[in-house]
Amino acid sequence: MKTLNKTLLAALIALITAGLFVVTSQALGSDDEEDGGTIVFTKPVKAVIFEHSIHMDMGLECDSCHDDLFEMATGTAEENDDFTMKSLYDGKYCGACHDGDTAFASNTRCTSCHIGVKGYDKMMGNEKKGEHEGHH
């Protein structure tokens, strides 16, 4: 029963989070917004989302991550060969805080950041509508 409750809670959180991302999709990758907007990483996997406002609401300042962990320009981290989950687990990039002590560990709550191809397509309005129609 506890596992079911945890699963339902995780699903609810994922749905709420996805809803927030759809609302903020206008800000995708925008550096010109005051709070940095929403960043969608598509490399090395599609897709991982980072919401600046959530982190700023927690009291972080821009220099908490920039320029030590991330350069200020959107997309720069994706160009690095070491922008991988292994690097996060080793304390680089997001893993500097998402270590299980400062914030939830990088190897937990995967859907908090990973929205996948379907989530990305939905966010970008690229859903294939009617794909399953007539296939009952």
C-alpha atoms as a PDB file:
ATOM      1  CA  MET A   1       0.000   0.000   0.000  1.00  0.00           C
ATOM      2  CA  LYS A   2       2.845   2.400   0.842  1.00  0.00           C
ATOM      3  CA  THR A   3       4.454   1.695  -2.538  1.00  0.00           C
ATOM      4  CA  LEU A   4       1.161   2.467  -4.290  1.00  0.00           C
ATOM      5  CA  ASN A   5       0.830   5.759  -2.376  1.00  0.00           C
ATOM      6  CA  LYS A   6       4.419   6.701  -3.271  1.00  0.00           C
ATOM      7  CA  THR A   7       3.787   5.810  -6.907  1.00  0.00           C
ATOM      8  CA  LEU A   8       0.609   7.897  -7.002  1.00  0.00           C
ATOM      9  CA  LEU A   9       2.372  10.808  -5.317  1.00  0.00           C
ATOM     10  CA  ALA A  10       5.266  10.601  -7.798  1.00  0.00           C
ATOM     11  CA  ALA A  11       2.807  10.516 -10.709  1.00  0.00           C
ATOM     12  CA  LEU A  12       0.923  13.530  -9.322  1.00  0.00           C
ATOM     13  CA  ILE A  13       4.151  15.488  -8.872  1.00  0.00           C
ATOM     14  CA  ALA A  14       5.213  14.594 -12.425  1.00  0.00           C
ATOM     15  CA  LEU A  15       1.856  15.781 -13.817  1.00  0.00           C
ATOM     16  CA  ILE A  16       1.985  19.053 -11.890  1.00  0.00           C
ATOM     17  CA  THR A  17       5.586  19.597 -12.943  1.00  0.00           C
ATOM     18  CA  ALA A  18       4.735  18.867 -16.582  1.00  0.00           C
ATOM     19  CA  GLY A  19       1.881  21.370 -16.360  1.00  0.00           C
ATOM     20  CA  LEU A  20       4.233  24.041 -15.067  1.00  0.00           C
ATOM     21  CA  PHE A  21       6.599  23.360 -17.943  1.00  0.00           C
ATOM     22  CA  VAL A  22       3.855  23.692 -20.539  1.00  0.00           C
ATOM     23  CA  VAL A  23       2.849  27.040 -19.041  1.00  0.00           C
ATOM     24  CA  THR A  24       6.442  28.271 -19.179  1.00  0.00           C
ATOM     25  CA  SER A  25       7.276  26.824 -22.592  1.00  0.00           C
ATOM     26  CA  GLN A  26       7.372  30.319 -24.073  1.00  0.00           C
ATOM     27  CA  ALA A  27      10.629  30.877 -22.177  1.00  0.00           C
ATOM     28  CA  LEU A  28      12.478  27.840 -23.538  1.00  0.00           C
ATOM     29  CA  GLY A  29      16.190  28.466 -23.719  1.00  0.00           C
ATOM     30  CA  SER A  30      15.781  32.163 -23.274  1.00  0.00           C
ATOM     31  CA  ASP A  31      18.709  34.006 -21.747  1.00  0.00           C
ATOM     32  CA  ASP A  32      17.016  37.384 -21.830  1.00  0.00           C
ATOM     33  CA  GLU A  33      14.447  36.727 -19.135  1.00  0.00           C
ATOM     34  CA  GLU A  34      15.156  38.189 -15.752  1.00  0.00           C
ATOM     35  CA  ASP A  35      15.191  34.784 -14.053  1.00  0.00           C
ATOM     36  CA  GLY A  36      16.822  32.833 -16.916  1.00  0.00           C
ATOM     37  CA  GLY A  37      13.616  31.118 -17.988  1.00  0.00           C
ATOM     38  CA  THR A  38      13.277  27.439 -18.729  1.00  0.00           C
ATOM     39  CA  ILE A  39      16.160  25.477 -20.200  1.00  0.00           C
ATOM     40  CA  VAL A  40      15.533  22.242 -22.098  1.00  0.00           C
ATOM     41  CA  PHE A  41      18.588  20.067 -22.587  1.00  0.00           C
ATOM     42  CA  THR A  42      18.329  17.717 -25.564  1.00  0.00           C
ATOM     43  CA  LYS A  43      21.848  16.265 -25.449  1.00  0.00           C
ATOM     44  CA  PRO A  44      23.003  13.698 -24.557  1.00  0.00           C
ATOM     45  CA  VAL A  45      19.369  12.594 -24.123  1.00  0.00           C
ATOM     46  CA  LYS A  46      16.070  14.173 -25.067  1.00  0.00           C
ATOM     47  CA  ALA A  47      14.928  15.825 -22.883  1.00  0.00           C
ATOM     48  CA  VAL A  48      15.905  17.220 -19.518  1.00  0.00           C
ATOM     49  CA  ILE A  49      14.323  20.390 -18.206  1.00  0.00           C
ATOM     50  CA  PHE A  50      15.738  23.006 -15.858  1.00  0.00           C
ATOM     51  CA  GLU A  51      13.506  25.688 -14.420  1.00  0.00           C
ATOM     52  CA  HIS A  52      15.448  28.711 -13.180  1.00  0.00           C
ATOM     53  CA  SER A  53      12.489  30.148 -11.246  1.00  0.00           C
ATOM     54  CA  ILE A  54      12.129  27.044  -9.059  1.00  0.00           C
ATOM     55  CA  HIS A  55      15.769  27.311  -8.012  1.00  0.00           C
ATOM     56  CA  MET A  56      15.571  31.073  -7.503  1.00  0.00           C
ATOM     57  CA  ASP A  57      12.446  30.622  -5.366  1.00  0.00           C
ATOM     58  CA  MET A  58      14.608  28.394  -3.140  1.00  0.00           C
ATOM     59  CA  GLY A  59      16.936  31.331  -2.547  1.00  0.00           C
ATOM     60  CA  LEU A  60      19.688  30.571  -5.045  1.00  0.00           C
ATOM     61  CA  GLU A  61      21.368  33.459  -6.828  1.00  0.00           C
ATOM     62  CA  CYS A  62      22.698  33.352 -10.396  1.00  0.00           C
ATOM     63  CA  ASP A  63      26.279  33.066  -9.152  1.00  0.00           C
ATOM     64  CA  SER A  64      25.355  29.934  -7.190  1.00  0.00           C
ATOM     65  CA  CYS A  65      25.759  28.037 -10.479  1.00  0.00           C
ATOM     66  CA  HIS A  66      27.189  30.548 -12.947  1.00  0.00           C
ATOM     67  CA  ASP A  67      30.064  30.685 -13.935  1.00  0.00           C
ATOM     68  CA  ASP A  68      31.587  27.827 -11.919  1.00  0.00           C
ATOM     69  CA  LEU A  69      29.175  24.964 -12.687  1.00  0.00           C
ATOM     70  CA  PHE A  70      27.553  26.354 -15.828  1.00  0.00           C
ATOM     71  CA  GLU A  71      28.509  29.097 -18.247  1.00  0.00           C
ATOM     72  CA  MET A  72      25.884  31.794 -18.632  1.00  0.00           C
ATOM     73  CA  ALA A  73      25.103  31.001 -22.294  1.00  0.00           C
ATOM     74  CA  THR A  74      22.319  28.472 -22.934  1.00  0.00           C
ATOM     75  CA  GLY A  75      23.471  25.232 -24.546  1.00  0.00           C
ATOM     76  CA  THR A  76      27.115  25.499 -23.546  1.00  0.00           C
ATOM     77  CA  ALA A  77      27.021  22.556 -21.118  1.00  0.00           C
ATOM     78  CA  GLU A  78      25.597  20.285 -23.826  1.00  0.00           C
ATOM     79  CA  GLU A  79      28.697  20.895 -25.915  1.00  0.00           C
ATOM     80  CA  ASN A  80      30.924  19.365 -23.219  1.00  0.00           C
ATOM     81  CA  ASP A  81      31.852  15.686 -23.587  1.00  0.00           C
ATOM     82  CA  ASP A  82      31.479  15.206 -19.839  1.00  0.00           C
ATOM     83  CA  PHE A  83      27.880  16.476 -19.661  1.00  0.00           C
ATOM     84  CA  THR A  84      26.615  13.044 -18.596  1.00  0.00           C
ATOM     85  CA  MET A  85      24.823  11.436 -15.680  1.00  0.00           C
ATOM     86  CA  LYS A  86      28.148   9.976 -14.550  1.00  0.00           C
ATOM     87  CA  SER A  87      29.485  13.523 -14.192  1.00  0.00           C
ATOM     88  CA  LEU A  88      26.427  14.483 -12.158  1.00  0.00           C
ATOM     89  CA  TYR A  89      26.970  11.458  -9.916  1.00  0.00           C
ATOM     90  CA  ASP A  90      30.584  12.623  -9.534  1.00  0.00           C
ATOM     91  CA  GLY A  91      29.425  16.039  -8.309  1.00  0.00           C
ATOM     92  CA  LYS A  92      29.707  18.063 -11.507  1.00  0.00           C
ATOM     93  CA  TYR A  93      27.043  20.261 -13.055  1.00  0.00           C
ATOM     94  CA  CYS A  94      23.669  19.668 -11.321  1.00  0.00           C
ATOM     95  CA  GLY A  95      25.312  17.005  -9.158  1.00  0.00           C
ATOM     96  CA  ALA A  96      27.167  19.698  -7.207  1.00  0.00           C
ATOM     97  CA  CYS A  97      23.931  20.271  -5.286  1.00  0.00           C
ATOM     98  CA  HIS A  98      21.866  17.226  -6.242  1.00  0.00           C
ATOM     99  CA  ASP A  99      23.978  14.990  -4.041  1.00  0.00           C
ATOM    100  CA  GLY A 100      21.335  13.690  -1.636  1.00  0.00           C
ATOM    101  CA  ASP A 101      22.375  16.147   1.084  1.00  0.00           C
ATOM    102  CA  THR A 102      21.968  19.633  -0.358  1.00  0.00           C
ATOM    103  CA  ALA A 103      19.118  18.578  -2.676  1.00  0.00           C
ATOM    104  CA  PHE A 104      17.612  15.296  -3.833  1.00  0.00           C
ATOM    105  CA  ALA A 105      20.253  13.007  -5.327  1.00  0.00           C
ATOM    106  CA  SER A 106      20.733  12.885  -9.096  1.00  0.00           C
ATOM    107  CA  ASN A 107      19.931   9.175  -9.114  1.00  0.00           C
ATOM    108  CA  THR A 108      16.484   9.674  -7.537  1.00  0.00           C
ATOM    109  CA  ARG A 109      13.267  11.381  -8.667  1.00  0.00           C
ATOM    110  CA  CYS A 110      14.305  11.016 -12.310  1.00  0.00           C
ATOM    111  CA  THR A 111      11.075  12.430 -13.735  1.00  0.00           C
ATOM    112  CA  SER A 112      11.608  15.694 -11.870  1.00  0.00           C
ATOM    113  CA  CYS A 113      14.094  16.604 -14.605  1.00  0.00           C
ATOM    114  CA  HIS A 114      13.841  13.949 -17.326  1.00  0.00           C
ATOM    115  CA  ILE A 115      10.700  14.513 -19.385  1.00  0.00           C
ATOM    116  CA  GLY A 116      11.759  12.241 -22.248  1.00  0.00           C
ATOM    117  CA  VAL A 117      10.926  12.431 -25.932  1.00  0.00           C
ATOM    118  CA  LYS A 118       7.157  12.287 -25.366  1.00  0.00           C
ATOM    119  CA  GLY A 119       7.276  15.059 -22.756  1.00  0.00           C
ATOM    120  CA  TYR A 120       9.467  17.163 -25.029  1.00  0.00           C
ATOM    121  CA  ASP A 121       7.158  16.644 -28.010  1.00  0.00           C
ATOM    122  CA  LYS A 122       4.134  17.535 -25.881  1.00  0.00           C
ATOM    123  CA  MET A 123       5.865  20.658 -24.576  1.00  0.00           C
ATOM    124  CA  MET A 124       6.791  21.740 -28.090  1.00  0.00           C
ATOM    125  CA  GLY A 125       3.286  20.997 -29.432  1.00  0.00           C
ATOM    126  CA  ASN A 126       4.581  18.174 -31.634  1.00  0.00           C
ATOM    127  CA  GLU A 127       2.281  15.448 -30.324  1.00  0.00           C
ATOM    128  CA  LYS A 128       0.971  13.058 -32.935  1.00  0.00           C
ATOM    129  CA  LYS A 129      -2.776  13.356 -32.558  1.00  0.00           C
ATOM    130  CA  GLY A 130      -5.031  10.461 -33.445  1.00  0.00           C
ATOM    131  CA  GLU A 131      -2.118   8.049 -33.649  1.00  0.00           C
ATOM    132  CA  HIS A 132      -4.086   5.336 -31.853  1.00  0.00           C
ATOM    133  CA  GLU A 133      -7.492   6.073 -33.335  1.00  0.00           C
ATOM    134  CA  GLY A 134      -9.138   2.961 -34.743  1.00  0.00           C
ATOM    135  CA  HIS A 135      -6.723   0.639 -32.882  1.00  0.00           C
ATOM    136  CA  HIS A 136      -8.841  -0.670 -30.045  1.00  0.00           C
END
